[in-house]
Amino acid sequence: MVWEQRWHPLRREWVVVSSHRNERPWQGERVAGASPALPRYASDCYLCPGNARISGQRNARYTGVYVFDNDHPCVGPEAPSPAALPKPPGIYRNSPAAGCARVVCFTPRHDLTLAQLAEREVLDLLGVLQEQYRELGARDEVRHVLVFENKGEVVGVSNPHPHCQIYATNFVFKTIELEAEAQAAYLAEHRRPLFQDILATEEADGRRLLVRRGEALSFIPYFARYPYETFVAPRATRPSLADLTPEELADFAAVLRETVIRLDNLWRIAFPYVMVLHQAPTAGAPTPGFHFHIQIHPPLRKPGLLKYLAGPEIGGGNFLNDTAPEEKATELQAVSGTHYTQAG
């Protein structure tokens, strides 16, 4: 796995795998490891139950999953009309960034992470996200519902209270647009969904599989761009989380939970990541063959060492993975499925 290119069929681009580079000498910056212990409730946390937020609004004294409109949205219903926008110079174009942004608190506990929630709590969270997708996606002005969690200071999170965000927008985010095009084209050419062939290949190979249940599984894909990049997917091709049956949702919740537990258990830290739900657009042209899944992008390649985006990625446009996906999967397969903070 030295000096190899691997095709990423969802993004239709090459990933360079140079696994020997992970052992190169490093004299650059390191990031902190284990986070300090947190209290169950923090009086200065704008996400904890009953606390006031920066807007002056006060959270309900919630006991489960809690959703509210983001006080600092990146898109909003008050976006100007196209006619009200200033005309851009020359060949440039602009358009309104309209929609709705929300925050979803996983639990009232300030000191927990997704990996530390009970399986029932993860299932409840996914049920709420199903409802949010249906509600927001039904709006005339919304074309796409993006759900994501940023976990850890190293990815820019300012508040450790376990939460994710929802951006319901009048546009489709570029990555989802690319995936929809790739999957539709593959279906038209091969008469079967692209993601089904990805799942079949991963299961037949077996080396990169992490967690399996009847209706769902997780794996580090053959074409992973980050060292511990992980996919969590239902077996059936469904366009969104909201389309999963109760049985599929239960298995998906169990697989997601054990997957993030294994990430934490690898180095016995709250493993940072960016986690994104890849769901089909809710309006516009049909997206045949779109297969809902979650992608988890952890930025660490070793304890304290980041996978930096540099010349090849930012300048060249191709990811360079310093590790082999098979090696990283072996590491995660070897750890326990019970969270290290809960092990007896």
C-alpha atoms as a PDB file:
ATOM      1  CA  MET A   1       0.000   0.000   0.000  1.00  0.00           C
ATOM      2  CA  VAL A   2       2.856   2.352  -0.824  1.00  0.00           C
ATOM      3  CA  TRP A   3       2.416   4.848  -3.669  1.00  0.00           C
ATOM      4  CA  GLU A   4      -1.025   3.600  -4.676  1.00  0.00           C
ATOM      5  CA  GLN A   5      -4.015   5.496  -6.057  1.00  0.00           C
ATOM      6  CA  ARG A   6      -7.512   4.314  -5.139  1.00  0.00           C
ATOM      7  CA  TRP A   7     -10.671   5.454  -6.913  1.00  0.00           C
ATOM      8  CA  HIS A   8     -13.349   7.076  -4.746  1.00  0.00           C
ATOM      9  CA  PRO A   9     -16.551   6.158  -6.642  1.00  0.00           C
ATOM     10  CA  LEU A  10     -18.851   8.472  -4.671  1.00  0.00           C
ATOM     11  CA  ARG A  11     -16.707  11.553  -5.265  1.00  0.00           C
ATOM     12  CA  ARG A  12     -15.295  10.357  -8.606  1.00  0.00           C
ATOM     13  CA  GLU A  13     -11.739  11.268  -7.683  1.00  0.00           C
ATOM     14  CA  TRP A  14      -8.462   9.528  -6.828  1.00  0.00           C
ATOM     15  CA  VAL A  15      -7.082   9.120  -3.287  1.00  0.00           C
ATOM     16  CA  VAL A  16      -3.321   8.601  -2.922  1.00  0.00           C
ATOM     17  CA  VAL A  17      -2.399   5.971  -0.302  1.00  0.00           C
ATOM     18  CA  SER A  18       1.181   6.171   1.010  1.00  0.00           C
ATOM     19  CA  SER A  19       1.013   4.240   4.250  1.00  0.00           C
ATOM     20  CA  HIS A  20       4.749   4.410   4.958  1.00  0.00           C
ATOM     21  CA  ARG A  21       4.474   8.181   5.489  1.00  0.00           C
ATOM     22  CA  ASN A  22       2.704   7.754   8.825  1.00  0.00           C
ATOM     23  CA  GLU A  23       6.069   6.790  10.367  1.00  0.00           C
ATOM     24  CA  ARG A  24       7.933   9.833   9.093  1.00  0.00           C
ATOM     25  CA  PRO A  25       9.667  12.025  11.742  1.00  0.00           C
ATOM     26  CA  TRP A  26       7.398  14.756  13.080  1.00  0.00           C
ATOM     27  CA  GLN A  27       8.622  17.954  14.724  1.00  0.00           C
ATOM     28  CA  GLY A  28       5.495  20.006  14.157  1.00  0.00           C
ATOM     29  CA  GLU A  29       2.579  20.897  16.375  1.00  0.00           C
ATOM     30  CA  ARG A  30       0.782  18.322  18.497  1.00  0.00           C
ATOM     31  CA  VAL A  31      -2.753  18.529  19.834  1.00  0.00           C
ATOM     32  CA  ALA A  32      -3.936  17.742  23.340  1.00  0.00           C
ATOM     33  CA  GLY A  33      -5.027  14.196  24.125  1.00  0.00           C
ATOM     34  CA  ALA A  34      -7.571  13.423  26.844  1.00  0.00           C
ATOM     35  CA  SER A  35     -10.005  16.215  27.672  1.00  0.00           C
ATOM     36  CA  PRO A  36     -10.483  17.406  31.261  1.00  0.00           C
ATOM     37  CA  ALA A  37     -13.368  15.922  33.231  1.00  0.00           C
ATOM     38  CA  LEU A  38     -16.615  17.811  32.749  1.00  0.00           C
ATOM     39  CA  PRO A  39     -19.497  18.346  35.202  1.00  0.00           C
ATOM     40  CA  ARG A  40     -22.939  16.823  34.615  1.00  0.00           C
ATOM     41  CA  TYR A  41     -24.317  20.356  34.417  1.00  0.00           C
ATOM     42  CA  ALA A  42     -22.497  23.620  33.646  1.00  0.00           C
ATOM     43  CA  SER A  43     -24.083  26.900  34.660  1.00  0.00           C
ATOM     44  CA  ASP A  44     -22.252  28.799  31.915  1.00  0.00           C
ATOM     45  CA  CYS A  45     -23.158  26.353  29.123  1.00  0.00           C
ATOM     46  CA  TYR A  46     -25.683  27.755  26.647  1.00  0.00           C
ATOM     47  CA  LEU A  47     -26.859  24.219  25.804  1.00  0.00           C
ATOM     48  CA  CYS A  48     -27.554  22.859  29.288  1.00  0.00           C
ATOM     49  CA  PRO A  49     -31.194  22.654  30.457  1.00  0.00           C
ATOM     50  CA  GLY A  50     -32.719  25.864  31.820  1.00  0.00           C
ATOM     51  CA  ASN A  51     -29.743  28.049  30.885  1.00  0.00           C
ATOM     52  CA  ALA A  52     -29.951  31.313  28.980  1.00  0.00           C
ATOM     53  CA  ARG A  53     -28.363  31.499  25.532  1.00  0.00           C
ATOM     54  CA  ILE A  54     -26.534  34.446  23.991  1.00  0.00           C
ATOM     55  CA  SER A  55     -29.780  35.557  22.323  1.00  0.00           C
ATOM     56  CA  GLY A  56     -31.525  35.866  25.682  1.00  0.00           C
ATOM     57  CA  GLN A  57     -33.713  32.836  24.969  1.00  0.00           C
ATOM     58  CA  ARG A  58     -33.747  30.255  27.753  1.00  0.00           C
ATOM     59  CA  ASN A  59     -33.560  26.516  27.168  1.00  0.00           C
ATOM     60  CA  ALA A  60     -36.370  24.326  28.388  1.00  0.00           C
ATOM     61  CA  ARG A  61     -35.521  22.074  31.331  1.00  0.00           C
ATOM     62  CA  TYR A  62     -35.364  19.193  28.906  1.00  0.00           C
ATOM     63  CA  THR A  63     -34.790  15.575  29.904  1.00  0.00           C
ATOM     64  CA  GLY A  64     -34.182  13.957  26.508  1.00  0.00           C
ATOM     65  CA  VAL A  65     -33.298  15.235  23.037  1.00  0.00           C
ATOM     66  CA  TYR A  66     -33.777  19.007  22.690  1.00  0.00           C
ATOM     67  CA  VAL A  67     -34.024  21.015  19.443  1.00  0.00           C
ATOM     68  CA  PHE A  68     -33.989  24.784  18.998  1.00  0.00           C
ATOM     69  CA  ASP A  69     -33.349  27.298  16.231  1.00  0.00           C
ATOM     70  CA  ASN A  70     -29.697  28.331  16.048  1.00  0.00           C
ATOM     71  CA  ASP A  71     -29.077  31.791  17.502  1.00  0.00           C
ATOM     72  CA  HIS A  72     -26.338  32.420  14.918  1.00  0.00           C
ATOM     73  CA  PRO A  73     -27.621  30.720  11.751  1.00  0.00           C
ATOM     74  CA  CYS A  74     -25.560  30.542   8.570  1.00  0.00           C
ATOM     75  CA  VAL A  75     -28.789  30.573   6.545  1.00  0.00           C
ATOM     76  CA  GLY A  76     -32.143  32.012   7.497  1.00  0.00           C
ATOM     77  CA  PRO A  77     -35.689  32.831   6.420  1.00  0.00           C
ATOM     78  CA  GLU A  78     -34.829  36.538   6.410  1.00  0.00           C
ATOM     79  CA  ALA A  79     -32.335  36.167   3.553  1.00  0.00           C
ATOM     80  CA  PRO A  80     -32.836  38.920   0.941  1.00  0.00           C
ATOM     81  CA  SER A  81     -34.657  38.205  -2.277  1.00  0.00           C
ATOM     82  CA  PRO A  82     -32.559  37.813  -5.421  1.00  0.00           C
ATOM     83  CA  ALA A  83     -33.653  41.276  -6.551  1.00  0.00           C
ATOM     84  CA  ALA A  84     -32.510  42.821  -3.269  1.00  0.00           C
ATOM     85  CA  LEU A  85     -28.971  41.444  -3.459  1.00  0.00           C
ATOM     86  CA  PRO A  86     -26.245  43.780  -4.729  1.00  0.00           C
ATOM     87  CA  LYS A  87     -25.285  43.056  -8.309  1.00  0.00           C
ATOM     88  CA  PRO A  88     -21.862  41.365  -8.361  1.00  0.00           C
ATOM     89  CA  PRO A  89     -19.102  42.718 -10.595  1.00  0.00           C
ATOM     90  CA  GLY A  90     -18.211  41.298 -13.985  1.00  0.00           C
ATOM     91  CA  ILE A  91     -18.730  37.575 -14.507  1.00  0.00           C
ATOM     92  CA  TYR A  92     -19.520  36.851 -10.826  1.00  0.00           C
ATOM     93  CA  ARG A  93     -22.874  35.560  -9.590  1.00  0.00           C
ATOM     94  CA  ASN A  94     -24.713  35.505  -6.282  1.00  0.00           C
ATOM     95  CA  SER A  95     -27.977  34.222  -4.820  1.00  0.00           C
ATOM     96  CA  PRO A  96     -29.716  34.201  -1.407  1.00  0.00           C
ATOM     97  CA  ALA A  97     -28.611  31.725   1.269  1.00  0.00           C
ATOM     98  CA  ALA A  98     -32.028  30.984   2.720  1.00  0.00           C
ATOM     99  CA  GLY A  99     -33.297  28.277   5.011  1.00  0.00           C
ATOM    100  CA  CYS A 100     -33.242  27.276   8.652  1.00  0.00           C
ATOM    101  CA  ALA A 101     -30.477  26.271  11.062  1.00  0.00           C
ATOM    102  CA  ARG A 102     -31.125  24.296  14.244  1.00  0.00           C
ATOM    103  CA  VAL A 103     -29.190  22.819  17.146  1.00  0.00           C
ATOM    104  CA  VAL A 104     -29.974  19.347  18.492  1.00  0.00           C
ATOM    105  CA  CYS A 105     -28.797  18.531  22.026  1.00  0.00           C
ATOM    106  CA  PHE A 106     -28.353  14.779  22.452  1.00  0.00           C
ATOM    107  CA  THR A 107     -28.877  14.730  26.213  1.00  0.00           C
ATOM    108  CA  PRO A 108     -29.178  17.106  29.166  1.00  0.00           C
ATOM    109  CA  ARG A 109     -25.867  15.686  30.472  1.00  0.00           C
ATOM    110  CA  HIS A 110     -22.999  18.093  29.794  1.00  0.00           C
ATOM    111  CA  ASP A 111     -20.355  15.444  30.478  1.00  0.00           C
ATOM    112  CA  LEU A 112     -21.320  12.763  27.957  1.00  0.00           C
ATOM    113  CA  THR A 113     -20.648  12.132  24.268  1.00  0.00           C
ATOM    114  CA  LEU A 114     -22.578  10.197  21.650  1.00  0.00           C
ATOM    115  CA  ALA A 115     -20.382   7.183  22.405  1.00  0.00           C
ATOM    116  CA  GLN A 116     -21.459   7.248  26.058  1.00  0.00           C
ATOM    117  CA  LEU A 117     -25.202   7.303  25.441  1.00  0.00           C
ATOM    118  CA  ALA A 118     -27.264   4.169  25.966  1.00  0.00           C
ATOM    119  CA  GLU A 119     -28.469   2.399  22.835  1.00  0.00           C
ATOM    120  CA  ARG A 120     -32.036   3.553  23.547  1.00  0.00           C
ATOM    121  CA  GLU A 121     -30.846   7.167  23.723  1.00  0.00           C
ATOM    122  CA  VAL A 122     -29.046   6.887  20.370  1.00  0.00           C
ATOM    123  CA  LEU A 123     -32.200   5.411  18.872  1.00  0.00           C
ATOM    124  CA  ASP A 124     -34.288   8.275  20.298  1.00  0.00           C
ATOM    125  CA  LEU A 125     -31.843  10.811  18.847  1.00  0.00           C
ATOM    126  CA  LEU A 126     -32.082   9.248  15.389  1.00  0.00           C
ATOM    127  CA  GLY A 127     -35.868   9.264  15.681  1.00  0.00           C
ATOM    128  CA  VAL A 128     -35.804  13.012  16.333  1.00  0.00           C
ATOM    129  CA  LEU A 129     -33.496  13.528  13.339  1.00  0.00           C
ATOM    130  CA  GLN A 130     -35.972  11.589  11.210  1.00  0.00           C
ATOM    131  CA  GLU A 131     -38.715  13.973  12.289  1.00  0.00           C
ATOM    132  CA  GLN A 132     -36.534  16.998  11.583  1.00  0.00           C
ATOM    133  CA  TYR A 133     -35.724  15.764   8.073  1.00  0.00           C
ATOM    134  CA  ARG A 134     -39.404  15.231   7.303  1.00  0.00           C
ATOM    135  CA  GLU A 135     -40.519  18.570   8.727  1.00  0.00           C
ATOM    136  CA  LEU A 136     -37.793  20.742   7.235  1.00  0.00           C
ATOM    137  CA  GLY A 137     -37.598  18.849   3.952  1.00  0.00           C
ATOM    138  CA  ALA A 138     -41.314  19.438   3.370  1.00  0.00           C
ATOM    139  CA  ARG A 139     -40.816  23.212   3.249  1.00  0.00           C
ATOM    140  CA  ASP A 140     -41.086  24.716  -0.201  1.00  0.00           C
ATOM    141  CA  GLU A 141     -37.902  26.753   0.159  1.00  0.00           C
ATOM    142  CA  VAL A 142     -35.751  23.830   1.394  1.00  0.00           C
ATOM    143  CA  ARG A 143     -33.844  21.696  -1.117  1.00  0.00           C
ATOM    144  CA  HIS A 144     -31.545  19.843   1.260  1.00  0.00           C
ATOM    145  CA  VAL A 145     -31.255  18.960   4.958  1.00  0.00           C
ATOM    146  CA  LEU A 146     -27.666  18.604   6.156  1.00  0.00           C
ATOM    147  CA  VAL A 147     -27.135  17.113   9.634  1.00  0.00           C
ATOM    148  CA  PHE A 148     -23.648  17.081  11.133  1.00  0.00           C
ATOM    149  CA  GLU A 149     -21.773  16.832  14.438  1.00  0.00           C
ATOM    150  CA  ASN A 150     -18.450  18.533  15.094  1.00  0.00           C
ATOM    151  CA  LYS A 151     -16.847  16.812  18.083  1.00  0.00           C
ATOM    152  CA  GLY A 152     -13.739  18.069  19.859  1.00  0.00           C
ATOM    153  CA  GLU A 153     -11.855  21.340  20.155  1.00  0.00           C
ATOM    154  CA  VAL A 154      -9.448  20.286  17.414  1.00  0.00           C
ATOM    155  CA  VAL A 155     -12.281  20.528  14.844  1.00  0.00           C
ATOM    156  CA  GLY A 156     -13.372  23.914  16.162  1.00  0.00           C
ATOM    157  CA  VAL A 157     -16.088  23.080  18.696  1.00  0.00           C
ATOM    158  CA  SER A 158     -16.458  25.814  21.304  1.00  0.00           C
ATOM    159  CA  ASN A 159     -18.988  23.968  23.490  1.00  0.00           C
ATOM    160  CA  PRO A 160     -18.420  20.327  24.547  1.00  0.00           C
ATOM    161  CA  HIS A 161     -22.086  19.716  25.385  1.00  0.00           C
ATOM    162  CA  PRO A 162     -23.079  16.812  23.070  1.00  0.00           C
ATOM    163  CA  HIS A 163     -24.980  18.261  20.136  1.00  0.00           C
ATOM    164  CA  CYS A 164     -25.276  18.337  16.377  1.00  0.00           C
ATOM    165  CA  GLN A 165     -26.538  20.906  13.918  1.00  0.00           C
ATOM    166  CA  ILE A 166     -29.061  20.951  11.079  1.00  0.00           C
ATOM    167  CA  TYR A 167     -28.798  23.203   8.035  1.00  0.00           C
ATOM    168  CA  ALA A 168     -31.982  23.128   5.945  1.00  0.00           C
ATOM    169  CA  THR A 169     -31.035  25.133   2.873  1.00  0.00           C
ATOM    170  CA  ASN A 170     -32.351  26.450  -0.443  1.00  0.00           C
ATOM    171  CA  PHE A 171     -29.330  24.850  -2.102  1.00  0.00           C
ATOM    172  CA  VAL A 172     -27.699  21.413  -2.102  1.00  0.00           C
ATOM    173  CA  PHE A 173     -24.248  21.149  -0.548  1.00  0.00           C
ATOM    174  CA  LYS A 174     -21.585  20.296  -3.114  1.00  0.00           C
ATOM    175  CA  THR A 175     -20.537  16.917  -1.721  1.00  0.00           C
ATOM    176  CA  ILE A 176     -24.121  15.672  -1.689  1.00  0.00           C
ATOM    177  CA  GLU A 177     -24.627  17.009  -5.203  1.00  0.00           C
ATOM    178  CA  LEU A 178     -21.533  15.117  -6.417  1.00  0.00           C
ATOM    179  CA  GLU A 179     -22.622  11.900  -4.700  1.00  0.00           C
ATOM    180  CA  ALA A 180     -26.138  12.151  -6.134  1.00  0.00           C
ATOM    181  CA  GLU A 181     -24.735  12.579  -9.651  1.00  0.00           C
ATOM    182  CA  ALA A 182     -22.275   9.689  -9.243  1.00  0.00           C
ATOM    183  CA  GLN A 183     -24.909   7.305  -7.882  1.00  0.00           C
ATOM    184  CA  ALA A 184     -27.493   8.212 -10.526  1.00  0.00           C
ATOM    185  CA  ALA A 185     -24.946   7.735 -13.315  1.00  0.00           C
ATOM    186  CA  TYR A 186     -23.805   4.378 -11.914  1.00  0.00           C
ATOM    187  CA  LEU A 187     -27.387   3.156 -11.614  1.00  0.00           C
ATOM    188  CA  ALA A 188     -28.129   4.172 -15.197  1.00  0.00           C
ATOM    189  CA  GLU A 189     -25.018   2.359 -16.500  1.00  0.00           C
ATOM    190  CA  HIS A 190     -24.998  -0.778 -14.339  1.00  0.00           C
ATOM    191  CA  ARG A 191     -28.699  -1.149 -13.402  1.00  0.00           C
ATOM    192  CA  ARG A 192     -27.855  -1.515  -9.718  1.00  0.00           C
ATOM    193  CA  PRO A 193     -27.091   1.004  -6.944  1.00  0.00           C
ATOM    194  CA  LEU A 194     -23.460   2.038  -6.558  1.00  0.00           C
ATOM    195  CA  PHE A 195     -23.559   1.767  -2.774  1.00  0.00           C
ATOM    196  CA  GLN A 196     -24.856  -1.796  -2.964  1.00  0.00           C
ATOM    197  CA  ASP A 197     -21.737  -2.703  -4.920  1.00  0.00           C
ATOM    198  CA  ILE A 198     -19.592  -0.872  -2.349  1.00  0.00           C
ATOM    199  CA  LEU A 199     -21.231  -2.848   0.477  1.00  0.00           C
ATOM    200  CA  ALA A 200     -20.914  -6.133  -1.413  1.00  0.00           C
ATOM    201  CA  THR A 201     -17.226  -5.501  -2.085  1.00  0.00           C
ATOM    202  CA  GLU A 202     -16.491  -4.524   1.524  1.00  0.00           C
ATOM    203  CA  GLU A 203     -18.287  -7.603   2.879  1.00  0.00           C
ATOM    204  CA  ALA A 204     -16.614  -9.928   0.406  1.00  0.00           C
ATOM    205  CA  ASP A 205     -13.195  -8.516   1.305  1.00  0.00           C
ATOM    206  CA  GLY A 206     -13.942  -8.298   5.043  1.00  0.00           C
ATOM    207  CA  ARG A 207     -10.691  -6.645   6.116  1.00  0.00           C
ATOM    208  CA  ARG A 208     -12.151  -3.186   6.622  1.00  0.00           C
ATOM    209  CA  LEU A 209     -15.446  -4.136   8.318  1.00  0.00           C
ATOM    210  CA  LEU A 210     -15.939  -2.840  11.857  1.00  0.00           C
ATOM    211  CA  VAL A 211     -19.473  -3.541  13.140  1.00  0.00           C
ATOM    212  CA  ARG A 212     -22.309  -5.586  11.639  1.00  0.00           C
ATOM    213  CA  ARG A 213     -25.941  -6.092  12.556  1.00  0.00           C
ATOM    214  CA  GLY A 214     -28.765  -7.562  10.516  1.00  0.00           C
ATOM    215  CA  GLU A 215     -29.755  -4.364   8.708  1.00  0.00           C
ATOM    216  CA  ALA A 216     -26.672  -2.145   9.058  1.00  0.00           C
ATOM    217  CA  LEU A 217     -22.882  -2.173   9.108  1.00  0.00           C
ATOM    218  CA  SER A 218     -19.848   0.093   9.422  1.00  0.00           C
ATOM    219  CA  PHE A 219     -16.477  -0.008   7.704  1.00  0.00           C
ATOM    220  CA  ILE A 220     -13.405   1.987   6.761  1.00  0.00           C
ATOM    221  CA  PRO A 221     -13.826   2.225   3.001  1.00  0.00           C
ATOM    222  CA  TYR A 222     -11.163   1.043   0.571  1.00  0.00           C
ATOM    223  CA  PHE A 223     -10.940   4.647  -0.689  1.00  0.00           C
ATOM    224  CA  ALA A 224     -10.771   6.367   2.753  1.00  0.00           C
ATOM    225  CA  ARG A 225      -9.278   9.857   2.621  1.00  0.00           C
ATOM    226  CA  TYR A 226      -8.617  10.142   6.382  1.00  0.00           C
ATOM    227  CA  PRO A 227      -6.754   7.512   8.454  1.00  0.00           C
ATOM    228  CA  TYR A 228      -9.820   6.490  10.493  1.00  0.00           C
ATOM    229  CA  GLU A 229     -12.555   7.658   8.120  1.00  0.00           C
ATOM    230  CA  THR A 230     -15.568   5.427   8.730  1.00  0.00           C
ATOM    231  CA  PHE A 231     -18.869   4.837   6.950  1.00  0.00           C
ATOM    232  CA  VAL A 232     -22.033   3.689   8.747  1.00  0.00           C
ATOM    233  CA  ALA A 233     -24.761   2.486   6.390  1.00  0.00           C
ATOM    234  CA  PRO A 234     -28.026   0.584   6.253  1.00  0.00           C
ATOM    235  CA  ARG A 235     -27.939  -2.474   4.026  1.00  0.00           C
ATOM    236  CA  ALA A 236     -31.002  -1.351   2.095  1.00  0.00           C
ATOM    237  CA  THR A 237     -30.775   1.580  -0.299  1.00  0.00           C
ATOM    238  CA  ARG A 238     -32.808   4.338   1.331  1.00  0.00           C
ATOM    239  CA  PRO A 239     -32.548   8.023   0.333  1.00  0.00           C
ATOM    240  CA  SER A 240     -32.564   9.359   3.891  1.00  0.00           C
ATOM    241  CA  LEU A 241     -32.536   8.478   7.568  1.00  0.00           C
ATOM    242  CA  ALA A 242     -36.270   9.190   7.576  1.00  0.00           C
ATOM    243  CA  ASP A 243     -36.855   6.327   5.132  1.00  0.00           C
ATOM    244  CA  LEU A 244     -35.442   3.614   7.420  1.00  0.00           C
ATOM    245  CA  THR A 245     -37.952   1.140   8.830  1.00  0.00           C
ATOM    246  CA  PRO A 246     -38.094   0.727  12.630  1.00  0.00           C
ATOM    247  CA  GLU A 247     -36.056  -2.491  12.379  1.00  0.00           C
ATOM    248  CA  GLU A 248     -33.469  -0.834  10.140  1.00  0.00           C
ATOM    249  CA  LEU A 249     -33.266   2.177  12.431  1.00  0.00           C
ATOM    250  CA  ALA A 250     -32.690  -0.003  15.505  1.00  0.00           C
ATOM    251  CA  ASP A 251     -29.809  -1.867  13.853  1.00  0.00           C
ATOM    252  CA  PHE A 252     -28.399   1.369  12.452  1.00  0.00           C
ATOM    253  CA  ALA A 253     -28.428   2.951  15.937  1.00  0.00           C
ATOM    254  CA  ALA A 254     -26.631  -0.070  17.419  1.00  0.00           C
ATOM    255  CA  VAL A 255     -23.960  -0.016  14.704  1.00  0.00           C
ATOM    256  CA  LEU A 256     -23.422   3.746  14.964  1.00  0.00           C
ATOM    257  CA  ARG A 257     -23.088   3.556  18.742  1.00  0.00           C
ATOM    258  CA  GLU A 258     -20.580   0.706  18.734  1.00  0.00           C
ATOM    259  CA  THR A 259     -18.594   2.365  15.960  1.00  0.00           C
ATOM    260  CA  VAL A 260     -18.042   5.614  17.876  1.00  0.00           C
ATOM    261  CA  ILE A 261     -17.306   3.586  21.022  1.00  0.00           C
ATOM    262  CA  ARG A 262     -14.516   1.776  19.180  1.00  0.00           C
ATOM    263  CA  LEU A 263     -13.054   5.081  18.048  1.00  0.00           C
ATOM    264  CA  ASP A 264     -12.987   6.312  21.663  1.00  0.00           C
ATOM    265  CA  ASN A 265     -11.553   3.025  22.905  1.00  0.00           C
ATOM    266  CA  LEU A 266      -8.652   3.074  20.465  1.00  0.00           C
ATOM    267  CA  TRP A 267      -6.679   5.623  22.484  1.00  0.00           C
ATOM    268  CA  ARG A 268      -9.057   5.949  25.473  1.00  0.00           C
ATOM    269  CA  ILE A 269     -10.014   9.509  24.611  1.00  0.00           C
ATOM    270  CA  ALA A 270     -13.117  11.275  23.357  1.00  0.00           C
ATOM    271  CA  PHE A 271     -12.033  10.816  19.738  1.00  0.00           C
ATOM    272  CA  PRO A 272     -12.651  14.045  17.773  1.00  0.00           C
ATOM    273  CA  TYR A 273     -14.399  13.911  14.434  1.00  0.00           C
ATOM    274  CA  VAL A 274     -16.708  15.552  11.942  1.00  0.00           C
ATOM    275  CA  MET A 275     -19.734  13.318  11.393  1.00  0.00           C
ATOM    276  CA  VAL A 276     -22.097  14.019   8.503  1.00  0.00           C
ATOM    277  CA  LEU A 277     -25.385  12.412   7.482  1.00  0.00           C
ATOM    278  CA  HIS A 278     -25.366  12.036   3.699  1.00  0.00           C
ATOM    279  CA  GLN A 279     -29.040  12.280   2.748  1.00  0.00           C
ATOM    280  CA  ALA A 280     -30.717  12.850  -0.603  1.00  0.00           C
ATOM    281  CA  PRO A 281     -31.894  16.345  -1.485  1.00  0.00           C
ATOM    282  CA  THR A 282     -35.520  16.973  -0.540  1.00  0.00           C
ATOM    283  CA  ALA A 283     -36.529  18.944  -3.642  1.00  0.00           C
ATOM    284  CA  GLY A 284     -35.543  19.359  -7.254  1.00  0.00           C
ATOM    285  CA  ALA A 285     -34.568  16.638  -9.696  1.00  0.00           C
ATOM    286  CA  PRO A 286     -34.949  12.985  -8.587  1.00  0.00           C
ATOM    287  CA  THR A 287     -31.859  11.287  -7.143  1.00  0.00           C
ATOM    288  CA  PRO A 288     -32.161   7.638  -8.211  1.00  0.00           C
ATOM    289  CA  GLY A 289     -29.910   5.191  -6.413  1.00  0.00           C
ATOM    290  CA  PHE A 290     -29.015   7.565  -3.571  1.00  0.00           C
ATOM    291  CA  HIS A 291     -28.012   5.535  -0.517  1.00  0.00           C
ATOM    292  CA  PHE A 292     -28.218   7.279   2.841  1.00  0.00           C
ATOM    293  CA  HIS A 293     -25.167   6.781   5.060  1.00  0.00           C
ATOM    294  CA  ILE A 294     -23.080   8.512   7.692  1.00  0.00           C
ATOM    295  CA  GLN A 295     -19.473   9.491   7.133  1.00  0.00           C
ATOM    296  CA  ILE A 296     -17.200  10.007  10.154  1.00  0.00           C
ATOM    297  CA  HIS A 297     -14.021  11.987   9.518  1.00  0.00           C
ATOM    298  CA  PRO A 298     -11.625  11.859  12.510  1.00  0.00           C
ATOM    299  CA  PRO A 299      -8.717  14.292  12.023  1.00  0.00           C
ATOM    300  CA  LEU A 300      -6.138  12.397  14.135  1.00  0.00           C
ATOM    301  CA  ARG A 301      -3.725   9.985  12.454  1.00  0.00           C
ATOM    302  CA  LYS A 302      -1.877   9.194  15.700  1.00  0.00           C
ATOM    303  CA  PRO A 303      -2.365  10.270  19.321  1.00  0.00           C
ATOM    304  CA  GLY A 304      -1.824  14.025  19.286  1.00  0.00           C
ATOM    305  CA  LEU A 305      -1.074  14.179  15.554  1.00  0.00           C
ATOM    306  CA  LEU A 306      -3.460  15.702  13.048  1.00  0.00           C
ATOM    307  CA  LYS A 307      -4.063  14.686   9.475  1.00  0.00           C
ATOM    308  CA  TYR A 308      -3.272  18.124   8.074  1.00  0.00           C
ATOM    309  CA  LEU A 309      -4.742  19.281   4.793  1.00  0.00           C
ATOM    310  CA  ALA A 310      -1.831  20.775   2.909  1.00  0.00           C
ATOM    311  CA  GLY A 311      -0.454  21.049  -0.626  1.00  0.00           C
ATOM    312  CA  PRO A 312      -1.920  17.873  -2.194  1.00  0.00           C
ATOM    313  CA  GLU A 313      -5.386  18.418  -0.685  1.00  0.00           C
ATOM    314  CA  ILE A 314      -5.802  22.203  -0.643  1.00  0.00           C
ATOM    315  CA  GLY A 315      -3.614  23.036  -3.606  1.00  0.00           C
ATOM    316  CA  GLY A 316      -3.789  19.915  -5.734  1.00  0.00           C
ATOM    317  CA  GLY A 317      -7.320  18.790  -4.935  1.00  0.00           C
ATOM    318  CA  ASN A 318      -6.445  15.120  -4.236  1.00  0.00           C
ATOM    319  CA  PHE A 319      -6.383  13.606  -0.756  1.00  0.00           C
ATOM    320  CA  LEU A 320      -3.217  11.861   0.404  1.00  0.00           C
ATOM    321  CA  ASN A 321      -3.853   9.215   3.062  1.00  0.00           C
ATOM    322  CA  ASP A 322      -0.717   8.524   5.109  1.00  0.00           C
ATOM    323  CA  THR A 323      -2.118   5.192   6.301  1.00  0.00           C
ATOM    324  CA  ALA A 324      -3.646   2.060   4.799  1.00  0.00           C
ATOM    325  CA  PRO A 325      -7.393   1.660   5.476  1.00  0.00           C
ATOM    326  CA  GLU A 326      -6.845  -2.056   6.141  1.00  0.00           C
ATOM    327  CA  GLU A 327      -4.357  -1.295   8.948  1.00  0.00           C
ATOM    328  CA  LYS A 328      -6.642   1.253  10.616  1.00  0.00           C
ATOM    329  CA  ALA A 329      -9.600  -1.125  10.446  1.00  0.00           C
ATOM    330  CA  THR A 330      -7.532  -3.850  12.109  1.00  0.00           C
ATOM    331  CA  GLU A 331      -6.793  -1.475  14.988  1.00  0.00           C
ATOM    332  CA  LEU A 332     -10.475  -0.680  15.513  1.00  0.00           C
ATOM    333  CA  GLN A 333     -11.523  -4.324  15.169  1.00  0.00           C
ATOM    334  CA  ALA A 334      -9.192  -5.215  18.057  1.00  0.00           C
ATOM    335  CA  VAL A 335     -10.710  -2.881  20.659  1.00  0.00           C
ATOM    336  CA  SER A 336     -13.734  -3.512  22.859  1.00  0.00           C
ATOM    337  CA  GLY A 337     -17.296  -2.616  21.892  1.00  0.00           C
ATOM    338  CA  THR A 338     -17.952  -1.443  25.464  1.00  0.00           C
ATOM    339  CA  HIS A 339     -16.902   2.129  26.208  1.00  0.00           C
ATOM    340  CA  TYR A 340     -13.732   2.320  28.279  1.00  0.00           C
ATOM    341  CA  THR A 341     -15.403   4.618  30.842  1.00  0.00           C
ATOM    342  CA  GLN A 342     -18.119   2.013  31.431  1.00  0.00           C
ATOM    343  CA  ALA A 343     -16.009  -1.128  31.427  1.00  0.00           C
ATOM    344  CA  GLY A 344     -15.896  -2.982  34.719  1.00  0.00           C
END
